[in-house]
């Protein structure tokens, strides 16, 4: 009897050890799986964060000329809404307040308006690094005499918009958008030019956001 009891106790101990070993193995396996899942989740979270932080910056470019800061404000709102990259067009000879006096027939803009040969305004640069990588290009400007302010002309003429969606936008205290976008499209000769948008002299961020949302970028 004692031998049987001893054998039974030994058998019970062996089974218990085997059971614990099995449980330990399952626990280790579960921990490994959990660690792998956590790592995968963290990797995905990093990817999602990078995508969100980058927004559409990889394929959206916002090019603009701003005479008094209004178009720059709108351009910044568009950049915030799209995650796009900003590129300011700067005349080699900057416009002064006197130059921008539309009521003075002898001011620079008035003379340029009367003589189209003066509207080929030289820019500091028309070259955007990595321009070919952008799929969507916004082009912003103030409205001058119903047209796009001519400092944008040289940029439009000097770049190839083939394969790009081009979206013009403008700011003006009173003038409408008119044919300013179409005239630029004709000047460019390339690109898929969309209907543009005109904002007031004090662009509203909510209005800009609503417009961007409607574009479905």
N, C-alpha and C. Protein backbone atom coordinates (compact mmCIF):
# COMPACT_ATOMS: atom_id res chain seq x y z
N UNK A 1 0.82 -1.19 0.00
CA UNK A 1 0.00 0.00 0.00
C UNK A 1 0.86 1.25 0.00
N UNK A 2 1.91 1.17 0.87
CA UNK A 2 2.77 2.34 0.93
C UNK A 2 3.42 2.60 -0.41
N UNK A 3 3.83 1.53 -1.08
CA UNK A 3 4.47 1.69 -2.40
C UNK A 3 3.51 2.29 -3.40
N UNK A 4 2.25 1.83 -3.35
CA UNK A 4 1.24 2.37 -4.26
C UNK A 4 1.01 3.84 -3.99
N UNK A 5 0.93 4.19 -2.67
CA UNK A 5 0.71 5.59 -2.32
C UNK A 5 1.88 6.45 -2.80
N UNK A 6 3.10 5.91 -2.58
CA UNK A 6 4.29 6.66 -2.99
C UNK A 6 4.30 6.86 -4.50
N UNK A 7 3.96 5.77 -5.22
CA UNK A 7 3.91 5.87 -6.68
C UNK A 7 2.87 6.88 -7.13
N UNK A 8 1.73 6.86 -6.43
CA UNK A 8 0.64 7.79 -6.76
C UNK A 8 1.06 9.22 -6.52
N UNK A 9 1.79 9.45 -5.43
CA UNK A 9 2.23 10.81 -5.12
C UNK A 9 3.24 11.30 -6.15
N UNK A 10 4.16 10.37 -6.54
CA UNK A 10 5.16 10.75 -7.55
C UNK A 10 4.48 11.09 -8.87
N UNK A 11 3.49 10.26 -9.26
CA UNK A 11 2.77 10.48 -10.52
C UNK A 11 2.03 11.81 -10.49
N UNK A 12 1.42 12.09 -9.36
CA UNK A 12 0.70 13.35 -9.20
C UNK A 12 1.65 14.53 -9.32
N UNK A 13 2.83 14.42 -8.72
CA UNK A 13 3.82 15.50 -8.78
C UNK A 13 4.29 15.74 -10.20
N UNK A 14 4.55 14.63 -10.94
CA UNK A 14 5.00 14.75 -12.32
C UNK A 14 3.95 15.46 -13.17
N UNK A 15 2.68 15.07 -12.96
CA UNK A 15 1.59 15.69 -13.73
C UNK A 15 1.48 17.18 -13.40
N UNK A 16 1.65 17.49 -12.14
CA UNK A 16 1.55 18.90 -11.72
C UNK A 16 2.65 19.73 -12.36
N UNK A 17 3.90 19.16 -12.36
CA UNK A 17 5.02 19.87 -12.97
C UNK A 17 4.77 20.07 -14.45
N UNK A 18 4.27 19.00 -15.11
CA UNK A 18 3.99 19.11 -16.56
C UNK A 18 2.95 20.17 -16.84
N UNK A 19 1.92 20.20 -15.98
CA UNK A 19 0.83 21.18 -16.15
C UNK A 19 1.36 22.60 -15.99
N UNK A 20 2.19 22.78 -14.96
CA UNK A 20 2.75 24.12 -14.73
C UNK A 20 3.66 24.53 -15.88
N UNK A 21 4.42 23.58 -16.39
CA UNK A 21 5.32 23.87 -17.52
C UNK A 21 4.50 24.30 -18.73
N UNK A 22 3.40 23.57 -18.95
CA UNK A 22 2.53 23.91 -20.07
C UNK A 22 1.94 25.29 -19.92
N UNK A 23 1.49 25.60 -18.70
CA UNK A 23 0.91 26.93 -18.43
C UNK A 23 1.95 28.01 -18.64
N UNK A 24 3.20 27.69 -18.17
CA UNK A 24 4.26 28.69 -18.33
C UNK A 24 4.56 28.94 -19.78
N UNK A 25 4.55 27.86 -20.58
CA UNK A 25 4.81 27.99 -22.01
C UNK A 25 3.74 28.82 -22.68
N UNK A 26 2.47 28.54 -22.29
CA UNK A 26 1.36 29.30 -22.87
C UNK A 26 1.45 30.76 -22.47
N UNK A 27 1.85 31.00 -21.21
CA UNK A 27 1.96 32.38 -20.73
C UNK A 27 3.04 33.12 -21.50
N UNK A 28 4.22 32.40 -21.68
CA UNK A 28 5.30 33.03 -22.43
C UNK A 28 4.88 33.33 -23.85
N UNK A 29 4.15 32.37 -24.47
CA UNK A 29 3.68 32.55 -25.83
C UNK A 29 2.72 33.74 -25.92
N UNK A 30 1.82 33.81 -24.92
CA UNK A 30 0.86 34.92 -24.90
C UNK A 30 1.57 36.25 -24.76
N UNK A 31 2.62 36.27 -23.90
CA UNK A 31 3.37 37.50 -23.70
C UNK A 31 4.09 37.91 -24.98
N UNK A 32 4.66 36.88 -25.67
CA UNK A 32 5.35 37.17 -26.92
C UNK A 32 4.38 37.75 -27.95
N UNK A 33 3.19 37.12 -28.06
CA UNK A 33 2.19 37.61 -29.00
C UNK A 33 1.77 39.03 -28.66
N UNK A 34 1.58 39.26 -27.35
CA UNK A 34 1.16 40.60 -26.91
C UNK A 34 2.23 41.62 -27.25
N UNK A 35 3.51 41.25 -27.05
CA UNK A 35 4.62 42.15 -27.35
C UNK A 35 4.68 42.47 -28.84
N UNK A 36 4.47 41.41 -29.66
CA UNK A 36 4.47 41.61 -31.10
C UNK A 36 3.34 42.52 -31.53
N UNK A 37 2.14 42.29 -30.96
CA UNK A 37 0.98 43.11 -31.31
C UNK A 37 1.21 44.55 -30.88
N UNK A 38 1.81 44.73 -29.70
CA UNK A 38 2.08 46.08 -29.20
C UNK A 38 3.05 46.80 -30.12
N UNK A 39 4.12 46.06 -30.55
CA UNK A 39 5.11 46.66 -31.44
C UNK A 39 4.48 47.06 -32.77
N UNK A 40 3.60 46.15 -33.29
CA UNK A 40 2.93 46.44 -34.55
C UNK A 40 2.02 47.66 -34.41
N UNK A 41 1.32 47.73 -33.26
CA UNK A 41 0.43 48.87 -33.02
C UNK A 41 1.22 50.16 -32.94
N UNK A 42 2.39 50.11 -32.26
CA UNK A 42 3.22 51.30 -32.13
C UNK A 42 3.75 51.74 -33.48
N UNK A 43 4.18 50.73 -34.31
CA UNK A 43 4.67 51.05 -35.64
C UNK A 43 3.58 51.71 -36.47
N UNK A 44 2.36 51.15 -36.39
CA UNK A 44 1.25 51.70 -37.15
C UNK A 44 0.91 53.10 -36.67
N UNK A 45 0.99 53.29 -35.34
CA UNK A 45 0.69 54.60 -34.76
C UNK A 45 1.69 55.64 -35.26
N UNK A 46 2.99 55.22 -35.36
CA UNK A 46 3.99 56.14 -35.86
C UNK A 46 3.71 56.51 -37.31
N UNK A 47 3.32 55.50 -38.10
CA UNK A 47 3.00 55.76 -39.51
C UNK A 47 1.82 56.70 -39.63
N UNK A 48 0.76 56.43 -38.82
CA UNK A 48 -0.42 57.28 -38.86
C UNK A 48 -0.08 58.69 -38.45
N UNK A 49 0.79 58.81 -37.42
CA UNK A 49 1.17 60.14 -36.95
C UNK A 49 1.93 60.89 -38.01
N UNK A 50 2.85 60.16 -38.69
CA UNK A 50 3.61 60.80 -39.75
C UNK A 50 2.70 61.26 -40.87
N UNK A 51 1.73 60.40 -41.24
CA UNK A 51 0.80 60.76 -42.31
C UNK A 51 -0.01 61.97 -41.92
N UNK A 52 -0.48 62.00 -40.66
CA UNK A 52 -1.31 63.11 -40.21
C UNK A 52 -0.50 64.38 -40.12
N UNK A 53 0.72 64.26 -39.55
CA UNK A 53 1.55 65.44 -39.40
C UNK A 53 1.94 66.00 -40.75
N UNK A 54 2.22 65.11 -41.70
CA UNK A 54 2.61 65.57 -43.00
C UNK A 54 1.45 66.09 -43.81
N UNK A 55 0.22 65.65 -43.48
CA UNK A 55 -0.96 66.06 -44.22
C UNK A 55 -0.75 65.75 -45.69
N UNK A 56 -1.02 66.76 -46.54
CA UNK A 56 -0.83 66.58 -47.96
C UNK A 56 0.42 67.30 -48.43
N UNK A 57 1.32 67.61 -47.48
CA UNK A 57 2.48 68.42 -47.80
C UNK A 57 3.32 67.81 -48.91
N UNK A 58 3.24 66.47 -49.09
CA UNK A 58 4.03 65.83 -50.12
C UNK A 58 3.57 66.17 -51.52
N UNK A 59 2.31 66.59 -51.71
CA UNK A 59 1.85 66.83 -53.07
C UNK A 59 1.05 68.11 -53.26
N UNK A 60 1.03 68.99 -52.26
CA UNK A 60 0.30 70.25 -52.39
C UNK A 60 1.27 71.42 -52.23
N UNK A 61 1.24 72.32 -53.19
CA UNK A 61 2.10 73.50 -53.18
C UNK A 61 1.21 74.74 -53.25
N UNK A 62 1.50 75.72 -52.40
CA UNK A 62 0.76 76.98 -52.42
C UNK A 62 1.70 78.09 -52.82
N UNK A 63 1.56 78.56 -54.05
CA UNK A 63 2.39 79.65 -54.58
C UNK A 63 1.55 80.93 -54.50
N UNK A 64 2.16 82.00 -54.04
CA UNK A 64 1.37 83.22 -53.92
C UNK A 64 2.23 84.48 -54.03
N UNK A 65 1.59 85.53 -54.53
CA UNK A 65 2.16 86.87 -54.45
C UNK A 65 1.20 87.70 -53.61
N UNK A 66 1.73 88.39 -52.64
CA UNK A 66 0.89 89.21 -51.77
C UNK A 66 1.44 90.63 -51.72
N UNK A 67 0.62 91.58 -52.12
CA UNK A 67 1.07 92.98 -52.15
C UNK A 67 0.98 93.64 -50.78
N UNK A 68 -0.11 93.36 -50.06
CA UNK A 68 -0.32 94.03 -48.77
C UNK A 68 -0.53 93.06 -47.61
N UNK A 69 -0.38 91.76 -47.87
CA UNK A 69 -0.50 90.78 -46.80
C UNK A 69 -1.79 89.99 -46.80
N UNK A 70 -2.80 90.44 -47.54
CA UNK A 70 -4.10 89.74 -47.54
C UNK A 70 -4.00 88.36 -48.21
N UNK A 71 -3.35 88.31 -49.35
CA UNK A 71 -3.21 87.03 -50.05
C UNK A 71 -2.31 86.09 -49.25
N UNK A 72 -1.33 86.64 -48.56
CA UNK A 72 -0.47 85.82 -47.72
C UNK A 72 -1.28 85.17 -46.60
N UNK A 73 -2.21 85.92 -46.03
CA UNK A 73 -3.08 85.37 -44.98
C UNK A 73 -3.88 84.19 -45.52
N UNK A 74 -4.49 84.37 -46.69
CA UNK A 74 -5.27 83.29 -47.29
C UNK A 74 -4.38 82.09 -47.60
N UNK A 75 -3.18 82.35 -48.10
CA UNK A 75 -2.25 81.27 -48.43
C UNK A 75 -1.88 80.46 -47.19
N UNK A 76 -1.68 81.14 -46.08
CA UNK A 76 -1.35 80.44 -44.83
C UNK A 76 -2.51 79.59 -44.34
N UNK A 77 -3.73 80.10 -44.51
CA UNK A 77 -4.91 79.30 -44.13
C UNK A 77 -5.00 78.04 -44.99
N UNK A 78 -4.71 78.18 -46.27
CA UNK A 78 -4.75 77.03 -47.18
C UNK A 78 -3.67 76.02 -46.78
N UNK A 79 -2.49 76.52 -46.44
CA UNK A 79 -1.40 75.63 -46.02
C UNK A 79 -1.79 74.87 -44.75
N UNK A 80 -2.43 75.57 -43.81
CA UNK A 80 -2.87 74.91 -42.57
C UNK A 80 -3.90 73.83 -42.86
N UNK A 81 -4.79 74.12 -43.82
CA UNK A 81 -5.88 73.18 -44.12
C UNK A 81 -5.42 71.97 -44.93
N UNK A 82 -4.38 72.14 -45.71
CA UNK A 82 -3.93 71.06 -46.60
C UNK A 82 -2.62 70.42 -46.19
N UNK A 83 -1.89 71.08 -45.30
CA UNK A 83 -0.55 70.59 -44.97
C UNK A 83 0.43 70.87 -46.09
N UNK A 84 0.06 71.77 -47.00
CA UNK A 84 0.88 72.06 -48.17
C UNK A 84 2.09 72.92 -47.87
N UNK A 85 2.93 73.06 -48.89
CA UNK A 85 4.16 73.83 -48.81
C UNK A 85 3.95 75.22 -49.41
N UNK A 86 4.41 76.25 -48.72
CA UNK A 86 4.25 77.63 -49.19
C UNK A 86 5.46 78.07 -50.02
N UNK A 87 5.19 78.84 -51.07
CA UNK A 87 6.25 79.45 -51.86
C UNK A 87 5.82 80.86 -52.24
N UNK A 88 6.51 81.84 -51.70
CA UNK A 88 6.14 83.24 -51.95
C UNK A 88 6.86 83.78 -53.18
N UNK A 89 6.12 84.44 -54.03
CA UNK A 89 6.71 85.10 -55.20
C UNK A 89 7.12 86.51 -54.80
N UNK A 90 8.40 86.81 -55.00
CA UNK A 90 8.93 88.10 -54.57
C UNK A 90 9.50 88.86 -55.76
N UNK A 91 8.96 90.02 -56.07
CA UNK A 91 9.51 90.82 -57.17
C UNK A 91 10.95 91.22 -56.85
N UNK A 92 11.81 91.18 -57.86
CA UNK A 92 13.20 91.58 -57.66
C UNK A 92 13.24 93.04 -57.21
N UNK A 93 12.32 93.83 -57.70
CA UNK A 93 12.17 95.22 -57.25
C UNK A 93 10.84 95.30 -56.48
N UNK A 94 10.89 95.22 -55.17
CA UNK A 94 9.65 95.19 -54.37
C UNK A 94 8.78 96.43 -54.61
N UNK A 95 7.48 96.24 -54.48
CA UNK A 95 6.54 97.35 -54.61
C UNK A 95 6.47 98.12 -53.28
N UNK A 96 6.53 99.42 -53.39
CA UNK A 96 6.36 100.27 -52.21
C UNK A 96 4.90 100.67 -52.08
N UNK A 97 4.55 101.31 -50.99
CA UNK A 97 3.17 101.79 -50.82
C UNK A 97 2.81 102.77 -51.92
N UNK A 98 3.78 103.60 -52.30
CA UNK A 98 3.53 104.57 -53.37
C UNK A 98 3.32 103.85 -54.71
N UNK A 99 4.07 102.77 -54.92
CA UNK A 99 3.93 102.00 -56.15
C UNK A 99 2.53 101.41 -56.28
N UNK A 100 1.93 101.09 -55.14
CA UNK A 100 0.63 100.41 -55.12
C UNK A 100 -0.55 101.38 -55.04
N UNK A 101 -0.30 102.65 -55.23
CA UNK A 101 -1.37 103.65 -55.19
C UNK A 101 -2.12 103.65 -56.53
N UNK A 102 -3.20 102.90 -56.57
CA UNK A 102 -3.96 102.76 -57.82
C UNK A 102 -4.62 104.07 -58.26
N UNK A 103 -4.80 104.98 -57.32
CA UNK A 103 -5.46 106.26 -57.63
C UNK A 103 -4.51 107.27 -58.24
N UNK A 104 -3.22 106.96 -58.22
CA UNK A 104 -2.22 107.85 -58.82
C UNK A 104 -1.85 107.31 -60.19
N UNK A 105 -2.18 108.05 -61.23
CA UNK A 105 -1.94 107.56 -62.59
C UNK A 105 -0.45 107.45 -62.91
N UNK A 106 0.38 108.04 -62.07
CA UNK A 106 1.82 107.96 -62.28
C UNK A 106 2.50 106.90 -61.40
N UNK A 107 1.69 106.19 -60.61
CA UNK A 107 2.28 105.16 -59.74
C UNK A 107 2.75 103.98 -60.59
N UNK A 108 3.55 103.16 -60.01
CA UNK A 108 4.11 102.01 -60.74
C UNK A 108 3.02 101.09 -61.28
N UNK A 109 2.06 100.70 -60.42
CA UNK A 109 1.03 99.77 -60.89
C UNK A 109 0.15 100.41 -61.97
N UNK A 110 -0.07 101.72 -61.87
CA UNK A 110 -0.88 102.40 -62.88
C UNK A 110 -0.16 102.41 -64.23
N UNK A 111 1.13 102.67 -64.19
CA UNK A 111 1.91 102.67 -65.44
C UNK A 111 1.99 101.26 -66.03
N UNK A 112 2.13 100.27 -65.16
CA UNK A 112 2.18 98.89 -65.64
C UNK A 112 0.84 98.47 -66.22
N UNK A 113 -0.23 98.97 -65.64
CA UNK A 113 -1.56 98.64 -66.15
C UNK A 113 -1.76 99.21 -67.54
N UNK A 114 -1.27 100.40 -67.75
CA UNK A 114 -1.44 101.07 -69.04
C UNK A 114 -0.51 100.50 -70.10
N UNK A 115 0.64 100.00 -69.69
CA UNK A 115 1.62 99.49 -70.64
C UNK A 115 1.92 98.02 -70.31
N UNK A 116 1.32 97.11 -71.07
CA UNK A 116 1.45 95.68 -70.78
C UNK A 116 2.90 95.19 -70.86
N UNK A 117 3.73 95.88 -71.58
CA UNK A 117 5.13 95.47 -71.69
C UNK A 117 5.84 95.58 -70.34
N UNK A 118 5.27 96.39 -69.43
CA UNK A 118 5.87 96.56 -68.11
C UNK A 118 5.38 95.50 -67.12
N UNK A 119 4.45 94.68 -67.56
CA UNK A 119 3.86 93.69 -66.65
C UNK A 119 4.68 92.40 -66.52
N UNK A 120 5.78 92.33 -67.26
CA UNK A 120 6.67 91.18 -67.12
C UNK A 120 7.62 91.47 -65.95
N UNK A 121 7.08 91.33 -64.74
CA UNK A 121 7.81 91.68 -63.53
C UNK A 121 8.82 90.59 -63.17
N UNK A 122 10.08 90.97 -63.06
CA UNK A 122 11.12 90.00 -62.71
C UNK A 122 10.97 89.58 -61.26
N UNK A 123 11.09 88.28 -61.03
CA UNK A 123 10.98 87.74 -59.67
C UNK A 123 12.34 87.30 -59.15
N UNK A 124 12.47 87.26 -57.83
CA UNK A 124 13.69 86.76 -57.22
C UNK A 124 13.93 85.32 -57.65
N UNK A 125 12.87 84.53 -57.71
CA UNK A 125 12.97 83.15 -58.15
C UNK A 125 11.62 82.63 -58.62
N UNK A 126 11.65 81.81 -59.65
CA UNK A 126 10.44 81.12 -60.12
C UNK A 126 10.61 79.61 -60.00
N UNK A 127 11.71 79.21 -59.38
CA UNK A 127 12.04 77.79 -59.27
C UNK A 127 11.69 77.25 -57.90
N UNK A 128 10.81 76.27 -57.87
CA UNK A 128 10.42 75.59 -56.62
C UNK A 128 11.14 74.27 -56.55
N UNK A 129 11.87 74.04 -55.49
CA UNK A 129 12.59 72.78 -55.33
C UNK A 129 11.61 71.60 -55.31
N UNK A 130 11.87 70.61 -56.13
CA UNK A 130 11.00 69.44 -56.19
C UNK A 130 9.64 69.71 -56.82
N UNK A 131 9.58 70.71 -57.68
CA UNK A 131 8.29 71.11 -58.28
C UNK A 131 7.58 69.94 -58.95
N UNK A 132 8.33 69.06 -59.59
CA UNK A 132 7.73 67.92 -60.30
C UNK A 132 6.97 66.98 -59.37
N UNK A 133 7.29 67.01 -58.08
CA UNK A 133 6.69 66.08 -57.13
C UNK A 133 5.29 66.54 -56.67
N UNK A 134 4.94 67.77 -56.95
CA UNK A 134 3.64 68.28 -56.50
C UNK A 134 2.54 67.94 -57.50
N UNK A 135 1.45 67.42 -56.98
CA UNK A 135 0.30 67.07 -57.83
C UNK A 135 -0.70 68.22 -57.92
N UNK A 136 -0.80 68.98 -56.84
CA UNK A 136 -1.78 70.07 -56.77
C UNK A 136 -1.05 71.38 -56.47
N UNK A 137 -1.32 72.40 -57.27
CA UNK A 137 -0.67 73.69 -57.08
C UNK A 137 -1.74 74.78 -56.95
N UNK A 138 -1.77 75.43 -55.80
CA UNK A 138 -2.60 76.61 -55.61
C UNK A 138 -1.79 77.83 -56.03
N UNK A 139 -2.42 78.76 -56.73
CA UNK A 139 -1.73 79.99 -57.11
C UNK A 139 -2.58 81.18 -56.64
N UNK A 140 -2.02 81.98 -55.75
CA UNK A 140 -2.77 83.09 -55.16
C UNK A 140 -2.22 84.45 -55.52
N UNK A 141 -3.12 85.43 -55.56
CA UNK A 141 -2.74 86.78 -55.97
C UNK A 141 -3.84 87.78 -55.62
N UNK A 142 -3.50 89.06 -55.52
CA UNK A 142 -4.54 90.09 -55.42
C UNK A 142 -5.11 90.36 -56.82
N UNK A 143 -6.30 90.89 -56.86
CA UNK A 143 -6.91 91.28 -58.14
C UNK A 143 -6.53 92.72 -58.45
N UNK A 144 -5.93 92.91 -59.61
CA UNK A 144 -5.58 94.26 -60.07
C UNK A 144 -6.32 94.53 -61.38
N UNK A 145 -7.21 95.50 -61.34
CA UNK A 145 -7.99 95.86 -62.52
C UNK A 145 -8.66 94.64 -63.15
N UNK A 146 -9.22 93.79 -62.30
CA UNK A 146 -9.96 92.63 -62.78
C UNK A 146 -9.09 91.47 -63.22
N UNK A 147 -7.77 91.58 -63.05
CA UNK A 147 -6.85 90.53 -63.47
C UNK A 147 -5.99 90.07 -62.28
N UNK A 148 -5.30 88.96 -62.50
CA UNK A 148 -4.34 88.53 -61.49
C UNK A 148 -3.19 89.52 -61.47
N UNK A 149 -2.74 89.88 -60.28
CA UNK A 149 -1.59 90.78 -60.16
C UNK A 149 -0.45 90.21 -60.99
N UNK A 150 0.11 91.00 -61.87
CA UNK A 150 1.06 90.47 -62.85
C UNK A 150 2.38 89.93 -62.30
N UNK A 151 2.75 90.17 -61.04
CA UNK A 151 3.94 89.49 -60.56
C UNK A 151 3.84 87.95 -60.60
N UNK A 152 2.63 87.40 -60.76
CA UNK A 152 2.52 85.93 -60.86
C UNK A 152 2.79 85.44 -62.29
N UNK A 153 2.77 86.37 -63.25
CA UNK A 153 2.88 85.97 -64.65
C UNK A 153 4.15 85.19 -64.94
N UNK A 154 5.28 85.70 -64.44
CA UNK A 154 6.55 85.07 -64.77
C UNK A 154 6.62 83.64 -64.22
N UNK A 155 6.06 83.43 -63.04
CA UNK A 155 6.05 82.07 -62.49
C UNK A 155 5.21 81.15 -63.37
N UNK A 156 4.06 81.61 -63.77
CA UNK A 156 3.16 80.79 -64.59
C UNK A 156 3.80 80.48 -65.94
N UNK A 157 4.47 81.46 -66.52
CA UNK A 157 5.10 81.27 -67.83
C UNK A 157 6.33 80.37 -67.76
N UNK A 158 7.01 80.38 -66.63
CA UNK A 158 8.29 79.67 -66.53
C UNK A 158 8.19 78.24 -66.02
N UNK A 159 6.98 77.78 -65.73
CA UNK A 159 6.83 76.43 -65.17
C UNK A 159 5.88 75.58 -66.01
N UNK A 160 6.15 74.28 -66.00
CA UNK A 160 5.33 73.33 -66.74
C UNK A 160 4.36 72.65 -65.77
N UNK A 161 3.07 72.83 -65.98
CA UNK A 161 2.05 72.31 -65.08
C UNK A 161 1.43 71.01 -65.58
N UNK A 162 2.06 70.39 -66.55
CA UNK A 162 1.55 69.14 -67.10
C UNK A 162 1.36 68.11 -65.98
N UNK A 163 0.17 67.49 -65.94
CA UNK A 163 -0.12 66.47 -64.94
C UNK A 163 -0.49 67.01 -63.57
N UNK A 164 -0.58 68.33 -63.46
CA UNK A 164 -0.91 68.93 -62.16
C UNK A 164 -2.31 69.55 -62.17
N UNK A 165 -2.95 69.50 -61.02
CA UNK A 165 -4.20 70.23 -60.82
C UNK A 165 -3.84 71.60 -60.29
N UNK A 166 -4.29 72.63 -60.98
CA UNK A 166 -3.93 74.00 -60.61
C UNK A 166 -5.19 74.73 -60.14
N UNK A 167 -5.12 75.30 -58.94
CA UNK A 167 -6.29 75.95 -58.35
C UNK A 167 -5.94 77.39 -57.98
N UNK A 168 -6.46 78.36 -58.74
CA UNK A 168 -6.17 79.76 -58.41
C UNK A 168 -7.05 80.28 -57.28
N UNK A 169 -6.54 81.24 -56.53
CA UNK A 169 -7.34 81.93 -55.52
C UNK A 169 -6.87 83.37 -55.46
N UNK A 170 -7.76 84.24 -55.06
CA UNK A 170 -7.44 85.67 -55.08
C UNK A 170 -8.05 86.38 -53.88
N UNK A 171 -7.53 87.58 -53.63
CA UNK A 171 -8.12 88.44 -52.60
C UNK A 171 -8.39 89.80 -53.22
N UNK A 172 -9.45 90.42 -52.77
CA UNK A 172 -9.82 91.74 -53.29
C UNK A 172 -10.83 92.39 -52.37
N UNK A 173 -10.73 93.69 -52.25
CA UNK A 173 -11.68 94.42 -51.41
C UNK A 173 -13.04 94.51 -52.08
N UNK A 174 -13.06 94.61 -53.41
CA UNK A 174 -14.34 94.80 -54.09
C UNK A 174 -14.43 94.07 -55.43
N UNK A 175 -13.33 93.94 -56.14
CA UNK A 175 -13.37 93.31 -57.46
C UNK A 175 -13.67 91.83 -57.36
N UNK A 176 -14.38 91.29 -58.35
CA UNK A 176 -14.67 89.87 -58.39
C UNK A 176 -13.50 89.08 -58.95
N UNK A 177 -13.66 87.76 -58.98
CA UNK A 177 -12.60 86.90 -59.48
C UNK A 177 -12.41 87.07 -60.98
N UNK A 178 -13.54 87.33 -61.67
CA UNK A 178 -13.49 87.58 -63.10
C UNK A 178 -12.87 86.44 -63.90
N UNK A 179 -12.10 86.80 -64.92
CA UNK A 179 -11.44 85.80 -65.77
C UNK A 179 -9.98 85.64 -65.40
N UNK A 180 -9.62 86.09 -64.21
CA UNK A 180 -8.21 86.07 -63.83
C UNK A 180 -7.61 84.67 -63.90
N UNK A 181 -8.33 83.68 -63.42
CA UNK A 181 -7.83 82.31 -63.44
C UNK A 181 -7.70 81.78 -64.86
N UNK A 182 -8.70 82.05 -65.69
CA UNK A 182 -8.68 81.56 -67.06
C UNK A 182 -7.55 82.20 -67.86
N UNK A 183 -7.30 83.47 -67.60
CA UNK A 183 -6.21 84.16 -68.30
C UNK A 183 -4.86 83.53 -67.93
N UNK A 184 -4.70 83.15 -66.68
CA UNK A 184 -3.46 82.48 -66.26
C UNK A 184 -3.36 81.10 -66.90
N UNK A 185 -4.49 80.40 -66.98
CA UNK A 185 -4.50 79.08 -67.61
C UNK A 185 -4.08 79.17 -69.07
N UNK A 186 -4.58 80.18 -69.74
CA UNK A 186 -4.22 80.39 -71.15
C UNK A 186 -2.73 80.72 -71.27
N UNK A 187 -2.24 81.47 -70.31
CA UNK A 187 -0.83 81.85 -70.31
C UNK A 187 0.05 80.63 -70.08
N UNK A 188 -0.39 79.75 -69.18
CA UNK A 188 0.39 78.56 -68.85
C UNK A 188 0.39 77.55 -70.00
N UNK A 189 -0.79 77.30 -70.54
CA UNK A 189 -0.89 76.35 -71.64
C UNK A 189 -0.80 74.90 -71.22
N UNK A 190 -0.55 74.64 -69.95
CA UNK A 190 -0.46 73.27 -69.44
C UNK A 190 -1.15 73.20 -68.09
N UNK A 191 -1.51 72.00 -67.68
CA UNK A 191 -2.13 71.81 -66.37
C UNK A 191 -3.64 71.75 -66.45
N UNK A 192 -4.23 71.13 -65.44
CA UNK A 192 -5.68 71.03 -65.33
C UNK A 192 -6.15 72.13 -64.38
N UNK A 193 -6.50 73.26 -64.93
CA UNK A 193 -6.86 74.43 -64.14
C UNK A 193 -8.32 74.36 -63.69
N UNK A 194 -8.52 74.54 -62.39
CA UNK A 194 -9.85 74.48 -61.81
C UNK A 194 -10.44 75.88 -61.62
N UNK A 195 -11.74 75.89 -61.37
CA UNK A 195 -12.39 77.18 -61.07
C UNK A 195 -11.80 77.73 -59.77
N UNK A 196 -11.50 78.99 -59.77
CA UNK A 196 -10.84 79.59 -58.62
C UNK A 196 -11.81 80.16 -57.59
N UNK A 197 -11.23 80.77 -56.58
CA UNK A 197 -12.01 81.34 -55.48
C UNK A 197 -11.46 82.71 -55.12
N UNK A 198 -12.37 83.63 -54.89
CA UNK A 198 -11.98 84.98 -54.48
C UNK A 198 -12.41 85.20 -53.03
N UNK A 199 -11.47 85.68 -52.20
CA UNK A 199 -11.75 86.01 -50.81
C UNK A 199 -11.68 87.53 -50.64
N UNK A 200 -12.29 88.02 -49.57
CA UNK A 200 -12.26 89.46 -49.31
C UNK A 200 -10.89 89.93 -48.87
N UNK A 201 -10.79 91.21 -48.59
CA UNK A 201 -9.51 91.79 -48.22
C UNK A 201 -9.04 91.32 -46.84
N UNK A 202 -9.98 90.79 -46.06
CA UNK A 202 -9.62 90.19 -44.77
C UNK A 202 -10.12 88.74 -44.78
N UNK A 203 -9.34 87.83 -45.37
CA UNK A 203 -9.79 86.44 -45.51
C UNK A 203 -10.19 85.81 -44.19
N UNK A 204 -11.30 85.06 -44.22
CA UNK A 204 -11.81 84.39 -43.03
C UNK A 204 -11.35 82.92 -43.06
N UNK A 205 -10.74 82.49 -41.98
CA UNK A 205 -10.19 81.13 -41.95
C UNK A 205 -11.26 80.07 -42.14
N UNK A 206 -12.42 80.27 -41.52
CA UNK A 206 -13.50 79.29 -41.64
C UNK A 206 -13.97 79.19 -43.09
N UNK A 207 -14.02 80.32 -43.78
CA UNK A 207 -14.45 80.33 -45.18
C UNK A 207 -13.43 79.59 -46.05
N UNK A 208 -12.15 79.83 -45.76
CA UNK A 208 -11.10 79.14 -46.52
C UNK A 208 -11.18 77.64 -46.27
N UNK A 209 -11.37 77.24 -45.01
CA UNK A 209 -11.47 75.83 -44.67
C UNK A 209 -12.65 75.17 -45.37
N UNK A 210 -13.78 75.85 -45.39
CA UNK A 210 -14.99 75.31 -46.05
C UNK A 210 -14.73 75.10 -47.54
N UNK A 211 -14.04 76.06 -48.14
CA UNK A 211 -13.70 75.93 -49.57
C UNK A 211 -12.80 74.74 -49.81
N UNK A 212 -11.76 74.60 -48.99
CA UNK A 212 -10.83 73.49 -49.13
C UNK A 212 -11.57 72.15 -48.97
N UNK A 213 -12.44 72.08 -47.98
CA UNK A 213 -13.20 70.84 -47.74
C UNK A 213 -14.02 70.47 -48.97
N UNK A 214 -14.54 71.47 -49.64
CA UNK A 214 -15.37 71.23 -50.82
C UNK A 214 -14.60 70.79 -52.04
N UNK A 215 -13.28 70.98 -52.02
CA UNK A 215 -12.46 70.59 -53.16
C UNK A 215 -12.19 69.09 -53.19
N UNK A 216 -12.32 68.45 -52.04
CA UNK A 216 -12.12 67.00 -51.96
C UNK A 216 -10.70 66.55 -52.24
N UNK A 217 -9.75 67.32 -51.78
CA UNK A 217 -8.34 66.97 -52.00
C UNK A 217 -7.96 65.73 -51.19
